[in-house]
Amino acid sequence: MPHCILEYSNNVLDVPDMRTLLQEINDTLAATELFNRDDIKSRAIRHDLVVVGDGAPDRTFVTLTVQILSGRDDETKASLSDQTLAVLKRAFPQTLEKTRCSITVQIREIHRPSYRRVISY
């Protein structure tokens, strides 16, 4: 935990190395000392079929969903959002400057009583 899902439209101008970007997200979350580094799982999904607003070609998006087990206070979740949003802003500077872009972060809670997992080592 957490599970991080980075989604972005196919028309973003920046082409960051996604593996490096995901690692930076993991590093940022691990630095909070709220999570065990080995439990952070991140992935990226590029969306090729996208309509944002009026569908104009200069409308872009980048969104990060961070799923964590329930029980964290709002201040902690806001801090996680702020820290990961800063990573995304650094990764997509041209997109922010030259397109109508929305970069968002959302922290979602996973229902702790029903969450299950199996780990193999």
Protein backbone atom coordinates (compact mmCIF):
# COMPACT_ATOMS: atom_id res chain seq x y z
CA MET A 1 0.00 0.00 0.00
CA PRO A 2 -0.43 2.54 -1.52
CA HIS A 3 -1.51 1.80 -5.07
CA CYS A 4 -0.74 4.68 -7.45
CA ILE A 5 -2.40 4.94 -10.84
CA LEU A 6 -1.07 7.66 -13.12
CA GLU A 7 -3.29 8.36 -16.11
CA TYR A 8 -2.60 10.87 -18.87
CA SER A 9 -3.98 11.90 -22.23
CA ASN A 10 -2.11 10.98 -25.39
CA ASN A 11 -1.70 14.66 -26.32
CA VAL A 12 0.51 15.76 -23.42
CA LEU A 13 3.59 17.49 -24.81
CA ASP A 14 6.13 16.18 -22.34
CA VAL A 15 7.43 12.66 -22.67
CA PRO A 16 8.93 11.89 -19.29
CA ASP A 17 10.50 8.50 -18.75
CA MET A 18 7.50 6.89 -17.08
CA ARG A 19 9.56 4.39 -15.10
CA THR A 20 11.62 7.25 -13.65
CA LEU A 21 8.48 9.29 -12.94
CA LEU A 22 6.80 6.37 -11.17
CA GLN A 23 9.97 5.83 -9.14
CA GLU A 24 9.94 9.50 -8.13
CA ILE A 25 6.32 9.15 -6.99
CA ASN A 26 7.30 6.06 -4.98
CA ASP A 27 10.29 7.88 -3.48
CA THR A 28 8.12 10.85 -2.53
CA LEU A 29 5.60 8.61 -0.77
CA ALA A 30 8.32 6.57 0.94
CA ALA A 31 9.97 9.77 2.22
CA THR A 32 6.82 10.55 4.23
CA GLU A 33 7.59 7.46 6.34
CA LEU A 34 3.88 6.62 6.29
CA PHE A 35 4.40 3.62 4.02
CA ASN A 36 6.81 0.76 3.61
CA ARG A 37 8.67 1.40 0.33
CA ASP A 38 8.26 -2.24 -0.73
CA ASP A 39 4.48 -1.94 -0.50
CA ILE A 40 4.13 1.03 -2.89
CA LYS A 41 2.85 -0.07 -6.31
CA SER A 42 2.69 2.41 -9.18
CA ARG A 43 1.66 2.15 -12.80
CA ALA A 44 0.94 4.50 -15.70
CA ILE A 45 -1.83 4.36 -18.27
CA ARG A 46 -1.86 6.48 -21.43
CA HIS A 47 -5.32 7.15 -22.80
CA ASP A 48 -5.47 7.33 -26.58
CA LEU A 49 -9.19 8.06 -26.86
CA VAL A 50 -9.81 11.24 -24.87
CA VAL A 51 -12.26 14.11 -24.95
CA VAL A 52 -11.66 16.89 -22.45
CA GLY A 53 -14.31 19.61 -22.28
CA ASP A 54 -15.10 20.75 -25.80
CA GLY A 55 -12.69 18.22 -27.31
CA ALA A 56 -10.18 20.80 -28.51
CA PRO A 57 -6.80 19.21 -29.30
CA ASP A 58 -4.97 21.45 -26.82
CA ARG A 59 -6.93 20.14 -23.84
CA THR A 60 -4.83 17.68 -21.87
CA PHE A 61 -4.89 15.92 -18.54
CA VAL A 62 -2.66 14.12 -16.09
CA THR A 63 -4.22 12.55 -13.03
CA LEU A 64 -2.78 10.53 -10.19
CA THR A 65 -4.97 8.40 -7.97
CA VAL A 66 -3.29 7.27 -4.76
CA GLN A 67 -5.21 4.52 -3.00
CA ILE A 68 -4.40 4.08 0.67
CA LEU A 69 -5.96 2.10 3.48
CA SER A 70 -8.64 4.03 5.35
CA GLY A 71 -7.87 5.81 8.59
CA ARG A 72 -5.58 8.73 7.65
CA ASP A 73 -6.65 12.22 8.64
CA ASP A 74 -7.46 14.93 6.08
CA GLU A 75 -4.24 16.85 6.75
CA THR A 76 -2.15 13.78 5.97
CA LYS A 77 -4.06 13.13 2.76
CA ALA A 78 -3.74 16.78 1.71
CA SER A 79 0.01 16.64 2.32
CA LEU A 80 0.31 13.51 0.17
CA SER A 81 -1.61 15.30 -2.60
CA ASP A 82 0.60 18.39 -2.39
CA GLN A 83 3.82 16.41 -2.49
CA THR A 84 2.86 14.21 -5.41
CA LEU A 85 1.32 17.12 -7.33
CA ALA A 86 4.69 18.87 -7.14
CA VAL A 87 6.29 15.80 -8.77
CA LEU A 88 3.75 15.87 -11.60
CA LYS A 89 4.17 19.59 -12.21
CA ARG A 90 7.93 19.09 -12.63
CA ALA A 91 7.35 16.17 -15.01
CA PHE A 92 4.95 18.01 -17.35
CA PRO A 93 6.21 21.62 -17.63
CA GLN A 94 5.66 22.08 -21.39
CA THR A 95 2.19 20.61 -21.17
CA LEU A 96 1.30 23.06 -18.40
CA GLU A 97 2.78 26.00 -20.29
CA LYS A 98 1.47 25.33 -23.81
CA THR A 99 -1.84 23.48 -23.43
CA ARG A 100 -5.01 23.81 -21.42
CA CYS A 101 -4.01 21.14 -18.94
CA SER A 102 -5.52 19.77 -15.78
CA ILE A 103 -3.12 17.99 -13.47
CA THR A 104 -4.86 16.42 -10.50
CA VAL A 105 -4.14 14.18 -7.55
CA GLN A 106 -6.79 12.32 -5.64
CA ILE A 107 -6.29 10.31 -2.49
CA ARG A 108 -8.80 7.47 -2.22
CA GLU A 109 -9.36 5.27 0.76
CA ILE A 110 -9.49 1.51 0.50
CA HIS A 111 -12.00 -0.07 2.85
CA ARG A 112 -9.69 -1.54 5.48
CA PRO A 113 -12.06 -4.26 6.83
CA SER A 114 -12.55 -5.82 3.38
CA TYR A 115 -9.04 -5.37 1.97
CA ARG A 116 -7.15 -8.64 1.47
CA ARG A 117 -3.83 -9.49 -0.09
CA VAL A 118 -1.43 -12.37 -0.59
CA ILE A 119 2.30 -11.80 -0.79
CA SER A 120 4.85 -14.25 -2.12
CA TYR A 121 8.55 -13.90 -1.48
